[in-house]
């Protein structure tokens, strides 16, 4: 078993899917509105939204498992912000899944079309939430050097932003 964290590998699936889904939803919406396909073709969007929700939950779970190891290196506020954004992403994904699913049970075309439009808007909101949570995660890694928690040697934490660098800055600040 590897000592590398699973979270960084897992998060790319929901982030990638979150960016693709708005374009797919727009394409499906267009074909349903034009009558080129039956509304039940929307099931593909519902299925992908469900996959996105499950992937988001798995990413959150792996992040929570890695949290204890990383929290000793990064500011608590940055970690809490990333976690809050991840929760918002998952909630937005779940809400959009419900909207998309309602399309399949709606019997009135006008309501189905409104739900499709709301679902498309939801996928855009989810994509924006993905950008936000991904950016906060990137800050943990690149600004706060969260990856150093998995470094094989103390030398790996050296350099700008590394644990040794932060310790040196703390010592300078203490001398002032």
C-alpha atoms as a PDB file:
ATOM      1  CA  UNK A   1       0.000   0.000   0.000  1.00  0.00           C
ATOM      2  CA  UNK A   2       1.285   3.431  -0.899  1.00  0.00           C
ATOM      3  CA  UNK A   3       1.768   6.236   1.601  1.00  0.00           C
ATOM      4  CA  UNK A   4       0.606   8.788  -0.963  1.00  0.00           C
ATOM      5  CA  UNK A   5      -2.788  10.372  -0.350  1.00  0.00           C
ATOM      6  CA  UNK A   6      -5.766   9.150  -2.349  1.00  0.00           C
ATOM      7  CA  UNK A   7      -7.615  12.479  -2.268  1.00  0.00           C
ATOM      8  CA  UNK A   8      -5.566  14.299  -4.948  1.00  0.00           C
ATOM      9  CA  UNK A   9      -6.133  11.429  -7.379  1.00  0.00           C
ATOM     10  CA  UNK A  10      -9.856  11.116  -6.653  1.00  0.00           C
ATOM     11  CA  UNK A  11     -10.787  14.812  -6.881  1.00  0.00           C
ATOM     12  CA  UNK A  12      -9.993  15.035 -10.567  1.00  0.00           C
ATOM     13  CA  UNK A  13     -12.991  12.878 -11.540  1.00  0.00           C
ATOM     14  CA  UNK A  14     -15.680  15.155 -10.064  1.00  0.00           C
ATOM     15  CA  UNK A  15     -13.871  18.310 -11.127  1.00  0.00           C
ATOM     16  CA  UNK A  16     -13.520  17.145 -14.720  1.00  0.00           C
ATOM     17  CA  UNK A  17     -17.102  15.917 -14.914  1.00  0.00           C
ATOM     18  CA  UNK A  18     -18.374  19.163 -13.383  1.00  0.00           C
ATOM     19  CA  UNK A  19     -16.741  21.099 -16.234  1.00  0.00           C
ATOM     20  CA  UNK A  20     -18.117  18.816 -18.966  1.00  0.00           C
ATOM     21  CA  UNK A  21     -21.694  18.522 -17.702  1.00  0.00           C
ATOM     22  CA  UNK A  22     -22.883  22.052 -18.580  1.00  0.00           C
ATOM     23  CA  UNK A  23     -22.001  21.559 -22.259  1.00  0.00           C
ATOM     24  CA  UNK A  24     -23.635  18.128 -22.313  1.00  0.00           C
ATOM     25  CA  UNK A  25     -26.728  19.446 -20.547  1.00  0.00           C
ATOM     26  CA  UNK A  26     -27.030  22.330 -23.003  1.00  0.00           C
ATOM     27  CA  UNK A  27     -26.717  19.904 -25.919  1.00  0.00           C
ATOM     28  CA  UNK A  28     -29.318  17.533 -24.516  1.00  0.00           C
ATOM     29  CA  UNK A  29     -31.647  20.411 -23.632  1.00  0.00           C
ATOM     30  CA  UNK A  30     -31.455  21.693 -27.190  1.00  0.00           C
ATOM     31  CA  UNK A  31     -32.286  18.305 -28.680  1.00  0.00           C
ATOM     32  CA  UNK A  32     -35.197  17.763 -26.281  1.00  0.00           C
ATOM     33  CA  UNK A  33     -36.611  21.257 -26.908  1.00  0.00           C
ATOM     34  CA  UNK A  34     -36.355  20.780 -30.673  1.00  0.00           C
ATOM     35  CA  UNK A  35     -38.076  17.404 -30.424  1.00  0.00           C
ATOM     36  CA  UNK A  36     -35.120  15.540 -31.941  1.00  0.00           C
ATOM     37  CA  UNK A  37     -35.120  13.123 -28.989  1.00  0.00           C
ATOM     38  CA  UNK A  38     -37.669  12.115 -26.394  1.00  0.00           C
ATOM     39  CA  UNK A  39     -37.419  13.707 -22.975  1.00  0.00           C
ATOM     40  CA  UNK A  40     -36.338  10.376 -21.491  1.00  0.00           C
ATOM     41  CA  UNK A  41     -33.007  10.878 -23.295  1.00  0.00           C
ATOM     42  CA  UNK A  42     -32.396  13.303 -20.426  1.00  0.00           C
ATOM     43  CA  UNK A  43     -31.691  10.162 -18.377  1.00  0.00           C
ATOM     44  CA  UNK A  44     -28.082  10.413 -19.577  1.00  0.00           C
ATOM     45  CA  UNK A  45     -27.732  13.794 -17.848  1.00  0.00           C
ATOM     46  CA  UNK A  46     -29.397  12.437 -14.698  1.00  0.00           C
ATOM     47  CA  UNK A  47     -27.005   9.474 -14.677  1.00  0.00           C
ATOM     48  CA  UNK A  48     -23.942  11.688 -15.131  1.00  0.00           C
ATOM     49  CA  UNK A  49     -25.165  14.030 -12.408  1.00  0.00           C
ATOM     50  CA  UNK A  50     -25.561  11.008 -10.106  1.00  0.00           C
ATOM     51  CA  UNK A  51     -22.019   9.886 -10.937  1.00  0.00           C
ATOM     52  CA  UNK A  52     -20.835  13.412 -10.152  1.00  0.00           C
ATOM     53  CA  UNK A  53     -22.570  13.339  -6.776  1.00  0.00           C
ATOM     54  CA  UNK A  54     -21.048   9.975  -5.847  1.00  0.00           C
ATOM     55  CA  UNK A  55     -17.591  11.104  -7.016  1.00  0.00           C
ATOM     56  CA  UNK A  56     -17.941  14.307  -4.985  1.00  0.00           C
ATOM     57  CA  UNK A  57     -18.887  12.337  -1.879  1.00  0.00           C
ATOM     58  CA  UNK A  58     -15.935   9.987  -2.371  1.00  0.00           C
ATOM     59  CA  UNK A  59     -13.606  12.968  -2.818  1.00  0.00           C
ATOM     60  CA  UNK A  60     -14.941  14.538   0.383  1.00  0.00           C
ATOM     61  CA  UNK A  61     -14.470  11.273   2.250  1.00  0.00           C
ATOM     62  CA  UNK A  62     -10.865  10.866   1.106  1.00  0.00           C
ATOM     63  CA  UNK A  63     -10.192  14.511   1.958  1.00  0.00           C
ATOM     64  CA  UNK A  64     -11.497  14.009   5.473  1.00  0.00           C
ATOM     65  CA  UNK A  65      -9.203  10.997   5.885  1.00  0.00           C
ATOM     66  CA  UNK A  66      -6.199  13.065   4.785  1.00  0.00           C
ATOM     67  CA  UNK A  67      -7.161  16.057   6.934  1.00  0.00           C
ATOM     68  CA  UNK A  68      -5.499  14.882  10.155  1.00  0.00           C
ATOM     69  CA  UNK A  69      -2.166  14.450   8.451  1.00  0.00           C
ATOM     70  CA  UNK A  70      -2.254  17.764   6.602  1.00  0.00           C
ATOM     71  CA  UNK A  71      -3.717  20.028   9.288  1.00  0.00           C
ATOM     72  CA  UNK A  72      -0.426  20.248  11.158  1.00  0.00           C
ATOM     73  CA  UNK A  73       1.131  22.017   8.136  1.00  0.00           C
ATOM     74  CA  UNK A  74      -1.561  24.308   6.790  1.00  0.00           C
ATOM     75  CA  UNK A  75      -3.570  27.086   8.422  1.00  0.00           C
ATOM     76  CA  UNK A  76      -6.835  25.836   9.846  1.00  0.00           C
ATOM     77  CA  UNK A  77      -8.796  28.561   8.088  1.00  0.00           C
ATOM     78  CA  UNK A  78      -7.527  27.482   4.663  1.00  0.00           C
ATOM     79  CA  UNK A  79      -8.415  23.862   5.363  1.00  0.00           C
ATOM     80  CA  UNK A  80     -11.851  24.814   6.697  1.00  0.00           C
ATOM     81  CA  UNK A  81     -12.511  26.990   3.644  1.00  0.00           C
ATOM     82  CA  UNK A  82     -11.641  24.125   1.292  1.00  0.00           C
ATOM     83  CA  UNK A  83     -13.892  21.792   3.264  1.00  0.00           C
ATOM     84  CA  UNK A  84     -16.787  24.292   3.260  1.00  0.00           C
ATOM     85  CA  UNK A  85     -16.461  24.776  -0.502  1.00  0.00           C
ATOM     86  CA  UNK A  86     -16.442  20.994  -0.982  1.00  0.00           C
ATOM     87  CA  UNK A  87     -19.666  20.686   1.019  1.00  0.00           C
ATOM     88  CA  UNK A  88     -21.267  23.463  -1.039  1.00  0.00           C
ATOM     89  CA  UNK A  89     -20.178  21.671  -4.225  1.00  0.00           C
ATOM     90  CA  UNK A  90     -21.776  18.415  -3.067  1.00  0.00           C
ATOM     91  CA  UNK A  91     -25.009  20.129  -1.997  1.00  0.00           C
ATOM     92  CA  UNK A  92     -25.260  22.000  -5.322  1.00  0.00           C
ATOM     93  CA  UNK A  93     -24.628  18.734  -7.163  1.00  0.00           C
ATOM     94  CA  UNK A  94     -27.344  16.962  -5.183  1.00  0.00           C
ATOM     95  CA  UNK A  95     -29.842  19.763  -5.742  1.00  0.00           C
ATOM     96  CA  UNK A  96     -29.107  19.751  -9.476  1.00  0.00           C
ATOM     97  CA  UNK A  97     -29.545  15.972  -9.535  1.00  0.00           C
ATOM     98  CA  UNK A  98     -33.019  16.365  -8.012  1.00  0.00           C
ATOM     99  CA  UNK A  99     -33.945  19.003 -10.613  1.00  0.00           C
ATOM    100  CA  UNK A 100     -32.656  16.822 -13.440  1.00  0.00           C
ATOM    101  CA  UNK A 101     -34.478  13.786 -12.081  1.00  0.00           C
ATOM    102  CA  UNK A 102     -37.765  15.683 -11.912  1.00  0.00           C
ATOM    103  CA  UNK A 103     -37.562  16.156 -15.684  1.00  0.00           C
ATOM    104  CA  UNK A 104     -38.050  12.404 -16.101  1.00  0.00           C
ATOM    105  CA  UNK A 105     -41.215  12.279 -13.991  1.00  0.00           C
ATOM    106  CA  UNK A 106     -42.813  15.466 -15.293  1.00  0.00           C
ATOM    107  CA  UNK A 107     -45.837  14.802 -17.507  1.00  0.00           C
ATOM    108  CA  UNK A 108     -46.316  18.364 -18.732  1.00  0.00           C
ATOM    109  CA  UNK A 109     -43.911  19.506 -21.470  1.00  0.00           C
ATOM    110  CA  UNK A 110     -43.826  23.115 -20.244  1.00  0.00           C
ATOM    111  CA  UNK A 111     -42.831  21.997 -16.755  1.00  0.00           C
ATOM    112  CA  UNK A 112     -40.275  19.535 -18.148  1.00  0.00           C
ATOM    113  CA  UNK A 113     -38.729  22.297 -20.272  1.00  0.00           C
ATOM    114  CA  UNK A 114     -38.563  24.631 -17.254  1.00  0.00           C
ATOM    115  CA  UNK A 115     -36.940  21.875 -15.196  1.00  0.00           C
ATOM    116  CA  UNK A 116     -34.450  21.237 -18.000  1.00  0.00           C
ATOM    117  CA  UNK A 117     -33.547  24.935 -18.041  1.00  0.00           C
ATOM    118  CA  UNK A 118     -33.167  24.921 -14.255  1.00  0.00           C
ATOM    119  CA  UNK A 119     -31.010  21.784 -14.470  1.00  0.00           C
ATOM    120  CA  UNK A 120     -28.754  23.392 -17.070  1.00  0.00           C
ATOM    121  CA  UNK A 121     -28.392  26.435 -14.809  1.00  0.00           C
ATOM    122  CA  UNK A 122     -27.635  24.068 -11.941  1.00  0.00           C
ATOM    123  CA  UNK A 123     -24.809  22.430 -13.871  1.00  0.00           C
ATOM    124  CA  UNK A 124     -23.284  25.866 -14.429  1.00  0.00           C
ATOM    125  CA  UNK A 125     -23.530  26.612 -10.696  1.00  0.00           C
ATOM    126  CA  UNK A 126     -21.914  23.240  -9.945  1.00  0.00           C
ATOM    127  CA  UNK A 127     -19.080  24.013 -12.382  1.00  0.00           C
ATOM    128  CA  UNK A 128     -18.492  27.351 -10.635  1.00  0.00           C
ATOM    129  CA  UNK A 129     -18.487  25.565  -7.271  1.00  0.00           C
ATOM    130  CA  UNK A 130     -15.941  23.102  -8.695  1.00  0.00           C
ATOM    131  CA  UNK A 131     -13.659  25.977  -9.667  1.00  0.00           C
ATOM    132  CA  UNK A 132     -13.935  27.401  -6.168  1.00  0.00           C
ATOM    133  CA  UNK A 133     -13.240  24.152  -4.309  1.00  0.00           C
ATOM    134  CA  UNK A 134     -10.436  23.257  -6.731  1.00  0.00           C
ATOM    135  CA  UNK A 135      -8.810  26.648  -6.279  1.00  0.00           C
ATOM    136  CA  UNK A 136      -8.990  26.335  -2.498  1.00  0.00           C
ATOM    137  CA  UNK A 137      -7.439  22.858  -2.739  1.00  0.00           C
ATOM    138  CA  UNK A 138      -4.710  24.170  -5.008  1.00  0.00           C
ATOM    139  CA  UNK A 139      -3.925  26.877  -2.464  1.00  0.00           C
ATOM    140  CA  UNK A 140      -3.482  24.177   0.194  1.00  0.00           C
ATOM    141  CA  UNK A 141      -0.933  22.441  -1.995  1.00  0.00           C
ATOM    142  CA  UNK A 142       0.896  25.309  -3.680  1.00  0.00           C
ATOM    143  CA  UNK A 143       0.728  28.094  -1.099  1.00  0.00           C
ATOM    144  CA  UNK A 144       0.664  26.096   2.119  1.00  0.00           C
ATOM    145  CA  UNK A 145       2.652  23.044   0.945  1.00  0.00           C
ATOM    146  CA  UNK A 146       0.097  20.476   2.134  1.00  0.00           C
ATOM    147  CA  UNK A 147       1.884  17.801   0.106  1.00  0.00           C
ATOM    148  CA  UNK A 148       4.816  17.995   2.515  1.00  0.00           C
ATOM    149  CA  UNK A 149       2.724  15.927   4.932  1.00  0.00           C
ATOM    150  CA  UNK A 150       3.485  12.996   2.637  1.00  0.00           C
ATOM    151  CA  UNK A 151       7.143  13.795   2.029  1.00  0.00           C
ATOM    152  CA  UNK A 152       9.515  10.865   2.376  1.00  0.00           C
ATOM    153  CA  UNK A 153      12.257  12.903   4.037  1.00  0.00           C
ATOM    154  CA  UNK A 154      12.732  16.174   5.890  1.00  0.00           C
ATOM    155  CA  UNK A 155      14.683  17.482   2.888  1.00  0.00           C
ATOM    156  CA  UNK A 156      11.509  17.235   0.833  1.00  0.00           C
ATOM    157  CA  UNK A 157       9.910  19.912   2.990  1.00  0.00           C
ATOM    158  CA  UNK A 158      12.721  22.373   2.338  1.00  0.00           C
ATOM    159  CA  UNK A 159      12.482  25.218  -0.135  1.00  0.00           C
ATOM    160  CA  UNK A 160      10.108  28.125  -0.583  1.00  0.00           C
ATOM    161  CA  UNK A 161       6.822  27.420   1.167  1.00  0.00           C
ATOM    162  CA  UNK A 162       8.104  24.197   2.733  1.00  0.00           C
ATOM    163  CA  UNK A 163       7.882  23.340   6.408  1.00  0.00           C
ATOM    164  CA  UNK A 164      11.507  24.314   6.969  1.00  0.00           C
ATOM    165  CA  UNK A 165      10.924  27.653   5.232  1.00  0.00           C
ATOM    166  CA  UNK A 166       7.815  28.339   7.337  1.00  0.00           C
ATOM    167  CA  UNK A 167       9.719  27.483  10.511  1.00  0.00           C
ATOM    168  CA  UNK A 168      12.516  29.875   9.533  1.00  0.00           C
ATOM    169  CA  UNK A 169       9.968  32.636   8.900  1.00  0.00           C
ATOM    170  CA  UNK A 170       8.372  31.991  12.284  1.00  0.00           C
ATOM    171  CA  UNK A 171      11.793  32.299  13.951  1.00  0.00           C
ATOM    172  CA  UNK A 172      12.440  35.620  12.184  1.00  0.00           C
ATOM    173  CA  UNK A 173       9.002  36.873  13.199  1.00  0.00           C
ATOM    174  CA  UNK A 174       9.643  35.822  16.815  1.00  0.00           C
ATOM    175  CA  UNK A 175      12.924  37.793  16.845  1.00  0.00           C
ATOM    176  CA  UNK A 176      11.160  41.018  15.870  1.00  0.00           C
END
